[in-house]
Amino acid sequence: MNVNFHLPDTPALCNAVRAIFQTDGFPDFSNETILPKGCTEIIFDLSESQSINGRIGNNQGRLPRCFIYGYTQTPIYLQLSRQQTYFGIFFHPVIIKHILGVPAKEFANRWVDLTLIDPLFNTLWHRLAEQREFASRVAVVRQWIEKKTSPLKSQERKFNEFLCGSLYKMTTVPKVADELCYSSRQLSRKIQDITDMNTEDLLLYKKYLRAIELIHTSKLSLSGIAHESHFADQSHFIKSFRMFTNITPGEYAQLRTTHLPGHIFHNVR
């Protein structure tokens, strides 16, 4: 498998995108589990082979060739084809309403065919498919994004940083509201509009995401990771982790077979 990444390098792109990527080739595994990872992602399936089967909760079936999914609170299960070319964009979730005219919560815990939202995505898919190089596809997407977006206000940028960054000192609702200059009620509406979670649930979700990160990047014990992720105790850590992933932290630490946090590969060919 070939994997390419492009990180935003202009103010316009930095406001909208966390990363652009492409996976291309023949995977040496036939099934993949993607644990909740706190992002909003658009995928263009440019593969020559048949589209893949997937499941998020009750949302099951063949994935469209151009789709979006938002914050997930349950794993995504995929049955992969022999050959694949996936071109994807990790968006800052605040920008989705600017681009699609609907808030990101509309795509939480499910995938949605983008051509049903705007037929112009058919045109964009064909433009990407016509390109043979990753850099050329990035150029097409950059042009599209820059036309669809406008500069974010400083408060929106700060909110993006909170959603996509680490916990730091913002571990309670009052602290988050104070740091982001919202009332608790305004903050709750803002978070609900993007993640389809309330503020308390999102803070727990961010603790889980921090734990995933530390399992991959630190040499801490699981009890140390629970502490660094601000869980009340080890029992709370295990219960919360299982709620989002259907497995325990210990099981995940043993199962992970990739450097990509939250991705588990099964049935190696």
C-alpha atoms as a PDB file:
ATOM      1  CA  MET A   1       0.000   0.000   0.000  1.00  0.00           C
ATOM      2  CA  ASN A   2       1.185   3.507  -0.853  1.00  0.00           C
ATOM      3  CA  VAL A   3       0.171   6.277   1.553  1.00  0.00           C
ATOM      4  CA  ASN A   4       0.500  10.004   0.799  1.00  0.00           C
ATOM      5  CA  PHE A   5      -0.194  12.959   3.078  1.00  0.00           C
ATOM      6  CA  HIS A   6      -0.412  16.687   2.417  1.00  0.00           C
ATOM      7  CA  LEU A   7      -0.551  19.107   5.337  1.00  0.00           C
ATOM      8  CA  PRO A   8      -2.148  22.548   4.823  1.00  0.00           C
ATOM      9  CA  ASP A   9       0.398  25.203   3.918  1.00  0.00           C
ATOM     10  CA  THR A  10      -1.692  28.309   3.236  1.00  0.00           C
ATOM     11  CA  PRO A  11      -3.981  30.317   5.571  1.00  0.00           C
ATOM     12  CA  ALA A  12      -7.076  29.399   3.539  1.00  0.00           C
ATOM     13  CA  LEU A  13      -6.297  25.690   3.670  1.00  0.00           C
ATOM     14  CA  CYS A  14      -5.262  25.794   7.352  1.00  0.00           C
ATOM     15  CA  ASN A  15      -8.677  27.238   8.229  1.00  0.00           C
ATOM     16  CA  ALA A  16     -10.495  24.360   6.558  1.00  0.00           C
ATOM     17  CA  VAL A  17      -8.332  21.240   6.526  1.00  0.00           C
ATOM     18  CA  ARG A  18      -6.285  19.186   8.964  1.00  0.00           C
ATOM     19  CA  ALA A  19      -4.777  16.947   6.279  1.00  0.00           C
ATOM     20  CA  ILE A  20      -5.306  15.520   2.790  1.00  0.00           C
ATOM     21  CA  PHE A  21      -4.335  11.912   2.150  1.00  0.00           C
ATOM     22  CA  GLN A  22      -4.423   9.069  -0.323  1.00  0.00           C
ATOM     23  CA  THR A  23      -4.077   5.307   0.072  1.00  0.00           C
ATOM     24  CA  ASP A  24      -3.408   3.372  -3.089  1.00  0.00           C
ATOM     25  CA  GLY A  25      -2.592  -0.252  -3.837  1.00  0.00           C
ATOM     26  CA  PHE A  26      -3.378  -3.743  -2.630  1.00  0.00           C
ATOM     27  CA  PRO A  27      -3.933  -4.063   1.136  1.00  0.00           C
ATOM     28  CA  ASP A  28      -2.520  -7.170   2.789  1.00  0.00           C
ATOM     29  CA  PHE A  29      -5.593  -7.459   4.998  1.00  0.00           C
ATOM     30  CA  SER A  30      -9.257  -7.937   4.124  1.00  0.00           C
ATOM     31  CA  ASN A  31     -11.011  -6.327   7.105  1.00  0.00           C
ATOM     32  CA  GLU A  32     -10.407  -3.110   9.000  1.00  0.00           C
ATOM     33  CA  THR A  33     -11.892  -1.631  12.163  1.00  0.00           C
ATOM     34  CA  ILE A  34     -11.661   2.144  12.557  1.00  0.00           C
ATOM     35  CA  LEU A  35     -12.247   3.250  16.118  1.00  0.00           C
ATOM     36  CA  PRO A  36     -13.887   6.641  16.790  1.00  0.00           C
ATOM     37  CA  LYS A  37     -11.265   9.304  16.062  1.00  0.00           C
ATOM     38  CA  GLY A  38     -13.008  12.655  16.412  1.00  0.00           C
ATOM     39  CA  CYS A  39     -12.970  14.108  12.923  1.00  0.00           C
ATOM     40  CA  THR A  40     -15.121  14.921   9.922  1.00  0.00           C
ATOM     41  CA  GLU A  41     -13.873  13.254   6.767  1.00  0.00           C
ATOM     42  CA  ILE A  42     -14.766  13.255   3.076  1.00  0.00           C
ATOM     43  CA  ILE A  43     -13.683  10.214   1.058  1.00  0.00           C
ATOM     44  CA  PHE A  44     -13.503   9.832  -2.720  1.00  0.00           C
ATOM     45  CA  ASP A  45     -13.319   6.166  -3.720  1.00  0.00           C
ATOM     46  CA  LEU A  46     -11.313   6.215  -6.963  1.00  0.00           C
ATOM     47  CA  SER A  47     -10.744   2.463  -7.017  1.00  0.00           C
ATOM     48  CA  GLU A  48     -11.159   0.458 -10.193  1.00  0.00           C
ATOM     49  CA  SER A  49     -12.585  -2.471  -8.238  1.00  0.00           C
ATOM     50  CA  GLN A  50     -16.052  -2.735  -6.704  1.00  0.00           C
ATOM     51  CA  SER A  51     -16.890  -0.456  -3.791  1.00  0.00           C
ATOM     52  CA  ILE A  52     -16.443  -1.843  -0.281  1.00  0.00           C
ATOM     53  CA  ASN A  53     -18.951  -2.881   2.369  1.00  0.00           C
ATOM     54  CA  GLY A  54     -19.050  -1.058   5.672  1.00  0.00           C
ATOM     55  CA  ARG A  55     -21.010  -0.645   8.873  1.00  0.00           C
ATOM     56  CA  ILE A  56     -21.394   2.133  11.434  1.00  0.00           C
ATOM     57  CA  GLY A  57     -23.985   1.114  14.004  1.00  0.00           C
ATOM     58  CA  ASN A  58     -27.197   0.493  12.041  1.00  0.00           C
ATOM     59  CA  ASN A  59     -25.821   2.197   8.916  1.00  0.00           C
ATOM     60  CA  GLN A  60     -24.726  -0.745   6.748  1.00  0.00           C
ATOM     61  CA  GLY A  61     -24.090  -1.459   3.069  1.00  0.00           C
ATOM     62  CA  ARG A  62     -21.849  -0.509   0.178  1.00  0.00           C
ATOM     63  CA  LEU A  63     -20.089   2.792   0.661  1.00  0.00           C
ATOM     64  CA  PRO A  64     -20.792   5.454  -1.981  1.00  0.00           C
ATOM     65  CA  ARG A  65     -17.924   6.531  -4.205  1.00  0.00           C
ATOM     66  CA  CYS A  66     -18.038   9.989  -2.633  1.00  0.00           C
ATOM     67  CA  PHE A  67     -19.193  10.267   0.974  1.00  0.00           C
ATOM     68  CA  ILE A  68     -18.794  12.138   4.234  1.00  0.00           C
ATOM     69  CA  TYR A  69     -18.914  10.960   7.814  1.00  0.00           C
ATOM     70  CA  GLY A  70     -18.641  12.970  11.006  1.00  0.00           C
ATOM     71  CA  TYR A  71     -17.966  12.292  14.671  1.00  0.00           C
ATOM     72  CA  THR A  72     -18.519   8.624  15.422  1.00  0.00           C
ATOM     73  CA  GLN A  73     -19.133   7.118  18.852  1.00  0.00           C
ATOM     74  CA  THR A  74     -18.950   3.528  17.676  1.00  0.00           C
ATOM     75  CA  PRO A  75     -16.421   1.687  15.472  1.00  0.00           C
ATOM     76  CA  ILE A  76     -16.555   1.558  11.681  1.00  0.00           C
ATOM     77  CA  TYR A  77     -16.204  -1.960  10.248  1.00  0.00           C
ATOM     78  CA  LEU A  78     -14.954  -2.344   6.670  1.00  0.00           C
ATOM     79  CA  GLN A  79     -14.656  -5.281   4.264  1.00  0.00           C
ATOM     80  CA  LEU A  80     -11.954  -4.227   1.849  1.00  0.00           C
ATOM     81  CA  SER A  81     -11.537  -4.972  -1.843  1.00  0.00           C
ATOM     82  CA  ARG A  82      -8.338  -6.345  -3.351  1.00  0.00           C
ATOM     83  CA  GLN A  83      -7.378  -3.003  -4.876  1.00  0.00           C
ATOM     84  CA  GLN A  84      -8.157   0.440  -3.552  1.00  0.00           C
ATOM     85  CA  THR A  85      -7.528   4.105  -4.200  1.00  0.00           C
ATOM     86  CA  TYR A  86      -9.025   6.331  -1.549  1.00  0.00           C
ATOM     87  CA  PHE A  87      -8.500  10.081  -1.607  1.00  0.00           C
ATOM     88  CA  GLY A  88      -9.612  11.765   1.598  1.00  0.00           C
ATOM     89  CA  ILE A  89      -9.792  15.081   3.402  1.00  0.00           C
ATOM     90  CA  PHE A  90      -9.786  15.553   7.178  1.00  0.00           C
ATOM     91  CA  PHE A  91     -11.774  18.739   7.722  1.00  0.00           C
ATOM     92  CA  HIS A  92     -11.920  21.059  10.668  1.00  0.00           C
ATOM     93  CA  PRO A  93     -15.551  20.382  11.683  1.00  0.00           C
ATOM     94  CA  VAL A  94     -16.508  24.062  12.018  1.00  0.00           C
ATOM     95  CA  ILE A  95     -15.954  24.577   8.285  1.00  0.00           C
ATOM     96  CA  ILE A  96     -18.457  21.921   7.160  1.00  0.00           C
ATOM     97  CA  LYS A  97     -21.425  24.279   7.487  1.00  0.00           C
ATOM     98  CA  HIS A  98     -19.593  26.811   5.287  1.00  0.00           C
ATOM     99  CA  ILE A  99     -18.942  24.203   2.601  1.00  0.00           C
ATOM    100  CA  LEU A 100     -22.135  22.125   2.595  1.00  0.00           C
ATOM    101  CA  GLY A 101     -24.680  24.474   4.161  1.00  0.00           C
ATOM    102  CA  VAL A 102     -25.558  21.988   6.920  1.00  0.00           C
ATOM    103  CA  PRO A 103     -23.873  21.441  10.306  1.00  0.00           C
ATOM    104  CA  ALA A 104     -21.445  18.572  10.820  1.00  0.00           C
ATOM    105  CA  LYS A 105     -23.805  16.853  13.291  1.00  0.00           C
ATOM    106  CA  GLU A 106     -25.905  15.720  10.302  1.00  0.00           C
ATOM    107  CA  PHE A 107     -23.108  13.256   9.513  1.00  0.00           C
ATOM    108  CA  ALA A 108     -22.434  11.974  13.029  1.00  0.00           C
ATOM    109  CA  ASN A 109     -22.413   8.169  13.403  1.00  0.00           C
ATOM    110  CA  ARG A 110     -23.198   7.551   9.731  1.00  0.00           C
ATOM    111  CA  TRP A 111     -21.914   8.112   6.233  1.00  0.00           C
ATOM    112  CA  VAL A 112     -23.829  10.156   3.668  1.00  0.00           C
ATOM    113  CA  ASP A 113     -23.566  10.100  -0.128  1.00  0.00           C
ATOM    114  CA  LEU A 114     -22.371  13.612  -1.015  1.00  0.00           C
ATOM    115  CA  THR A 115     -23.894  13.510  -4.478  1.00  0.00           C
ATOM    116  CA  LEU A 116     -27.303  13.508  -2.780  1.00  0.00           C
ATOM    117  CA  ILE A 117     -26.414  16.784  -1.070  1.00  0.00           C
ATOM    118  CA  ASP A 118     -24.900  18.472  -4.099  1.00  0.00           C
ATOM    119  CA  PRO A 119     -24.703  16.901  -7.605  1.00  0.00           C
ATOM    120  CA  LEU A 120     -21.534  18.936  -8.209  1.00  0.00           C
ATOM    121  CA  PHE A 121     -19.669  16.287  -6.204  1.00  0.00           C
ATOM    122  CA  ASN A 122     -20.094  14.027  -9.237  1.00  0.00           C
ATOM    123  CA  THR A 123     -18.081  16.551 -11.228  1.00  0.00           C
ATOM    124  CA  LEU A 124     -15.463  16.820  -8.495  1.00  0.00           C
ATOM    125  CA  TRP A 125     -15.145  13.015  -8.344  1.00  0.00           C
ATOM    126  CA  HIS A 126     -14.548  12.848 -12.114  1.00  0.00           C
ATOM    127  CA  ARG A 127     -11.963  15.645 -11.955  1.00  0.00           C
ATOM    128  CA  LEU A 128     -10.049  13.753  -9.276  1.00  0.00           C
ATOM    129  CA  ALA A 129     -10.333  10.459 -11.144  1.00  0.00           C
ATOM    130  CA  GLU A 130      -8.840  12.075 -14.254  1.00  0.00           C
ATOM    131  CA  GLN A 131      -5.672  12.979 -12.345  1.00  0.00           C
ATOM    132  CA  ARG A 132      -2.988  10.326 -11.979  1.00  0.00           C
ATOM    133  CA  GLU A 133      -0.751  11.961  -9.392  1.00  0.00           C
ATOM    134  CA  PHE A 134      -1.520  12.707  -5.742  1.00  0.00           C
ATOM    135  CA  ALA A 135      -0.162  16.258  -6.074  1.00  0.00           C
ATOM    136  CA  SER A 136      -2.519  16.951  -8.985  1.00  0.00           C
ATOM    137  CA  ARG A 137      -5.495  15.746  -6.950  1.00  0.00           C
ATOM    138  CA  VAL A 138      -4.429  17.960  -4.050  1.00  0.00           C
ATOM    139  CA  ALA A 139      -4.369  20.935  -6.431  1.00  0.00           C
ATOM    140  CA  VAL A 140      -7.934  20.192  -7.587  1.00  0.00           C
ATOM    141  CA  VAL A 141      -9.194  19.975  -4.011  1.00  0.00           C
ATOM    142  CA  ARG A 142      -7.319  23.094  -2.899  1.00  0.00           C
ATOM    143  CA  GLN A 143      -8.995  25.099  -5.661  1.00  0.00           C
ATOM    144  CA  TRP A 144     -12.427  23.778  -4.677  1.00  0.00           C
ATOM    145  CA  ILE A 145     -11.930  24.439  -0.951  1.00  0.00           C
ATOM    146  CA  GLU A 146     -10.595  27.972  -1.469  1.00  0.00           C
ATOM    147  CA  LYS A 147     -13.654  28.849  -3.553  1.00  0.00           C
ATOM    148  CA  LYS A 148     -16.068  27.421  -0.956  1.00  0.00           C
ATOM    149  CA  THR A 149     -14.593  28.894   2.228  1.00  0.00           C
ATOM    150  CA  SER A 150     -13.996  32.279   3.807  1.00  0.00           C
ATOM    151  CA  PRO A 151     -11.709  33.217   6.720  1.00  0.00           C
ATOM    152  CA  LEU A 152     -12.884  31.993  10.106  1.00  0.00           C
ATOM    153  CA  LYS A 153     -13.464  34.399  12.958  1.00  0.00           C
ATOM    154  CA  SER A 154     -10.968  34.214  15.810  1.00  0.00           C
ATOM    155  CA  GLN A 155     -13.521  32.543  18.091  1.00  0.00           C
ATOM    156  CA  GLU A 156     -14.215  29.887  15.454  1.00  0.00           C
ATOM    157  CA  ARG A 157     -10.483  29.216  15.082  1.00  0.00           C
ATOM    158  CA  LYS A 158     -10.170  28.845  18.838  1.00  0.00           C
ATOM    159  CA  PHE A 159     -13.131  26.461  18.890  1.00  0.00           C
ATOM    160  CA  ASN A 160     -11.458  24.392  16.159  1.00  0.00           C
ATOM    161  CA  GLU A 161      -8.302  24.223  18.259  1.00  0.00           C
ATOM    162  CA  PHE A 162     -10.320  22.966  21.221  1.00  0.00           C
ATOM    163  CA  LEU A 163     -12.049  20.252  19.172  1.00  0.00           C
ATOM    164  CA  CYS A 164      -8.880  19.049  17.464  1.00  0.00           C
ATOM    165  CA  GLY A 165      -6.306  19.618  20.210  1.00  0.00           C
ATOM    166  CA  SER A 166      -5.455  17.950  23.492  1.00  0.00           C
ATOM    167  CA  LEU A 167      -7.329  18.423  26.760  1.00  0.00           C
ATOM    168  CA  TYR A 168      -4.800  20.607  28.547  1.00  0.00           C
ATOM    169  CA  LYS A 169      -6.502  22.410  31.452  1.00  0.00           C
ATOM    170  CA  MET A 170      -9.987  22.419  29.908  1.00  0.00           C
ATOM    171  CA  THR A 171     -11.387  19.373  31.679  1.00  0.00           C
ATOM    172  CA  THR A 172     -14.647  20.818  33.020  1.00  0.00           C
ATOM    173  CA  VAL A 173     -17.544  22.584  31.304  1.00  0.00           C
ATOM    174  CA  PRO A 174     -17.010  25.940  33.118  1.00  0.00           C
ATOM    175  CA  LYS A 175     -13.295  25.924  32.213  1.00  0.00           C
ATOM    176  CA  VAL A 176     -14.037  25.206  28.546  1.00  0.00           C
ATOM    177  CA  ALA A 177     -16.751  27.873  28.376  1.00  0.00           C
ATOM    178  CA  ASP A 178     -14.465  30.433  30.024  1.00  0.00           C
ATOM    179  CA  GLU A 179     -11.514  29.606  27.767  1.00  0.00           C
ATOM    180  CA  LEU A 180     -13.613  29.838  24.585  1.00  0.00           C
ATOM    181  CA  CYS A 181     -15.575  32.929  25.681  1.00  0.00           C
ATOM    182  CA  TYR A 182     -18.997  31.260  25.506  1.00  0.00           C
ATOM    183  CA  SER A 183     -21.696  30.867  28.088  1.00  0.00           C
ATOM    184  CA  SER A 184     -22.270  27.228  29.075  1.00  0.00           C
ATOM    185  CA  ARG A 185     -25.526  27.241  27.094  1.00  0.00           C
ATOM    186  CA  GLN A 186     -23.904  28.738  23.981  1.00  0.00           C
ATOM    187  CA  LEU A 187     -21.079  26.230  24.232  1.00  0.00           C
ATOM    188  CA  SER A 188     -23.512  23.326  24.495  1.00  0.00           C
ATOM    189  CA  ARG A 189     -25.402  24.444  21.377  1.00  0.00           C
ATOM    190  CA  LYS A 190     -22.155  24.916  19.452  1.00  0.00           C
ATOM    191  CA  ILE A 191     -20.822  21.473  20.390  1.00  0.00           C
ATOM    192  CA  GLN A 192     -24.165  19.781  19.685  1.00  0.00           C
ATOM    193  CA  ASP A 193     -24.309  21.434  16.257  1.00  0.00           C
ATOM    194  CA  ILE A 194     -20.983  19.906  15.271  1.00  0.00           C
ATOM    195  CA  THR A 195     -20.546  16.636  17.161  1.00  0.00           C
ATOM    196  CA  ASP A 196     -24.132  15.662  18.080  1.00  0.00           C
ATOM    197  CA  MET A 197     -22.879  15.336  21.684  1.00  0.00           C
ATOM    198  CA  ASN A 198     -23.407  17.471  24.745  1.00  0.00           C
ATOM    199  CA  THR A 199     -20.433  19.150  26.390  1.00  0.00           C
ATOM    200  CA  GLU A 200     -19.934  16.538  29.120  1.00  0.00           C
ATOM    201  CA  ASP A 201     -20.032  13.701  26.594  1.00  0.00           C
ATOM    202  CA  LEU A 202     -17.543  15.496  24.345  1.00  0.00           C
ATOM    203  CA  LEU A 203     -15.116  15.982  27.231  1.00  0.00           C
ATOM    204  CA  LEU A 204     -15.294  12.247  27.961  1.00  0.00           C
ATOM    205  CA  TYR A 205     -14.774  11.575  24.248  1.00  0.00           C
ATOM    206  CA  LYS A 206     -11.671  13.769  24.240  1.00  0.00           C
ATOM    207  CA  LYS A 207     -10.283  11.852  27.213  1.00  0.00           C
ATOM    208  CA  TYR A 208     -10.723   8.646  25.222  1.00  0.00           C
ATOM    209  CA  LEU A 209      -8.992  10.216  22.185  1.00  0.00           C
ATOM    210  CA  ARG A 210      -6.109  11.331  24.378  1.00  0.00           C
ATOM    211  CA  ALA A 211      -5.767   7.770  25.681  1.00  0.00           C
ATOM    212  CA  ILE A 212      -5.620   6.385  22.111  1.00  0.00           C
ATOM    213  CA  GLU A 213      -2.875   8.872  21.308  1.00  0.00           C
ATOM    214  CA  LEU A 214      -0.841   7.973  24.408  1.00  0.00           C
ATOM    215  CA  ILE A 215      -1.109   4.228  23.760  1.00  0.00           C
ATOM    216  CA  HIS A 216       0.642   4.897  20.451  1.00  0.00           C
ATOM    217  CA  THR A 217       3.129   7.594  21.427  1.00  0.00           C
ATOM    218  CA  SER A 218       4.124   6.968  25.055  1.00  0.00           C
ATOM    219  CA  LYS A 219       5.674   4.223  27.139  1.00  0.00           C
ATOM    220  CA  LEU A 220       3.236   4.791  29.992  1.00  0.00           C
ATOM    221  CA  SER A 221       1.409   1.907  31.628  1.00  0.00           C
ATOM    222  CA  LEU A 222      -2.351   1.765  31.109  1.00  0.00           C
ATOM    223  CA  SER A 223      -2.854   3.151  34.619  1.00  0.00           C
ATOM    224  CA  GLY A 224      -0.477   6.001  33.734  1.00  0.00           C
ATOM    225  CA  ILE A 225      -2.412   6.651  30.530  1.00  0.00           C
ATOM    226  CA  ALA A 226      -5.674   6.735  32.506  1.00  0.00           C
ATOM    227  CA  HIS A 227      -4.172   9.371  34.803  1.00  0.00           C
ATOM    228  CA  GLU A 228      -2.680  11.468  31.988  1.00  0.00           C
ATOM    229  CA  SER A 229      -6.027  11.377  30.153  1.00  0.00           C
ATOM    230  CA  HIS A 230      -7.835  12.712  33.260  1.00  0.00           C
ATOM    231  CA  PHE A 231      -9.995   9.655  33.925  1.00  0.00           C
ATOM    232  CA  ALA A 232     -11.203   9.372  37.518  1.00  0.00           C
ATOM    233  CA  ASP A 233      -9.643   5.927  37.915  1.00  0.00           C
ATOM    234  CA  GLN A 234      -8.698   2.793  35.999  1.00  0.00           C
ATOM    235  CA  SER A 235     -12.233   1.399  36.157  1.00  0.00           C
ATOM    236  CA  HIS A 236     -13.665   4.584  34.622  1.00  0.00           C
ATOM    237  CA  PHE A 237     -10.995   4.442  31.904  1.00  0.00           C
ATOM    238  CA  ILE A 238     -11.807   0.847  30.947  1.00  0.00           C
ATOM    239  CA  LYS A 239     -15.571   1.410  30.991  1.00  0.00           C
ATOM    240  CA  SER A 240     -15.377   4.570  28.857  1.00  0.00           C
ATOM    241  CA  PHE A 241     -12.915   3.063  26.379  1.00  0.00           C
ATOM    242  CA  ARG A 242     -15.121  -0.001  25.898  1.00  0.00           C
ATOM    243  CA  MET A 243     -18.198   2.210  25.449  1.00  0.00           C
ATOM    244  CA  PHE A 244     -16.634   3.835  22.366  1.00  0.00           C
ATOM    245  CA  THR A 245     -14.723   0.875  20.939  1.00  0.00           C
ATOM    246  CA  ASN A 246     -16.344  -2.368  22.176  1.00  0.00           C
ATOM    247  CA  ILE A 247     -12.912  -3.471  23.457  1.00  0.00           C
ATOM    248  CA  THR A 248     -10.809  -2.647  26.528  1.00  0.00           C
ATOM    249  CA  PRO A 249      -7.639  -0.513  26.434  1.00  0.00           C
ATOM    250  CA  GLY A 250      -5.577  -3.629  27.126  1.00  0.00           C
ATOM    251  CA  GLU A 251      -7.171  -5.489  24.215  1.00  0.00           C
ATOM    252  CA  TYR A 252      -6.533  -2.530  21.920  1.00  0.00           C
ATOM    253  CA  ALA A 253      -2.898  -2.287  22.985  1.00  0.00           C
ATOM    254  CA  GLN A 254      -2.456  -5.950  22.008  1.00  0.00           C
ATOM    255  CA  LEU A 255      -4.517  -5.791  18.799  1.00  0.00           C
ATOM    256  CA  ARG A 256      -3.094  -2.679  17.161  1.00  0.00           C
ATOM    257  CA  THR A 257      -1.030  -3.630  14.133  1.00  0.00           C
ATOM    258  CA  THR A 258      -0.447  -0.202  12.617  1.00  0.00           C
ATOM    259  CA  HIS A 259       1.126   3.121  13.476  1.00  0.00           C
ATOM    260  CA  LEU A 260      -2.195   4.802  12.629  1.00  0.00           C
ATOM    261  CA  PRO A 261      -4.067   5.453  15.904  1.00  0.00           C
ATOM    262  CA  GLY A 262      -7.491   3.835  15.980  1.00  0.00           C
ATOM    263  CA  HIS A 263      -7.016   1.520  12.984  1.00  0.00           C
ATOM    264  CA  ILE A 264      -7.055  -2.249  13.498  1.00  0.00           C
ATOM    265  CA  PHE A 265      -6.350  -4.629  10.615  1.00  0.00           C
ATOM    266  CA  HIS A 266      -7.787  -8.169  10.481  1.00  0.00           C
ATOM    267  CA  ASN A 267      -7.464 -11.272   8.289  1.00  0.00           C
ATOM    268  CA  VAL A 268      -4.089 -10.704   6.722  1.00  0.00           C
ATOM    269  CA  ARG A 269      -4.065 -12.079   3.186  1.00  0.00           C
END
